Amino acid sequence: MRYIGRYPFKVFINLFTGKMSGHFFFADEYYGYDDALYTAARLLRLLSREERPLSGLLASVPRYCATPETRIPCADECKAEVVSGVIEYFRQKGYEVIDVDGARVIFPGG
């Protein structure tokens, strides 16, 4: 556990991360930012050391559903009121709502 000021925080070290936009970040053997050519070279190096094809390597990786961000046109003057109404409506119905930067309603089964 480390501290920033008087607040403790956990340190997590990720050697590889990716974003939905297709950006991939490596934190080992490189400076730690995304670079398409470097990512391609790392993939080729990995494949050159494996007997399995890429499809075989990916077979064991879990698959997740991803949906695009939904943006509904709304006048700036009433956005806060609309989001507050959505949050209140779904919370009253018993759903979990994540209200960071808008409203994300968690439905059973996804």
Foldseek 3Di string as FASTA:
>chain_A
DDDDVNHDDDDDDDQWDADPVGFIFGDPPDDTGTDVVVVVVVVVVVQVPDPDDPCVVCPPPDDDDDDDDDDDDDDPVCQVVVQVVVVVVVVVVVWDWDQDPGTDTDDPPD
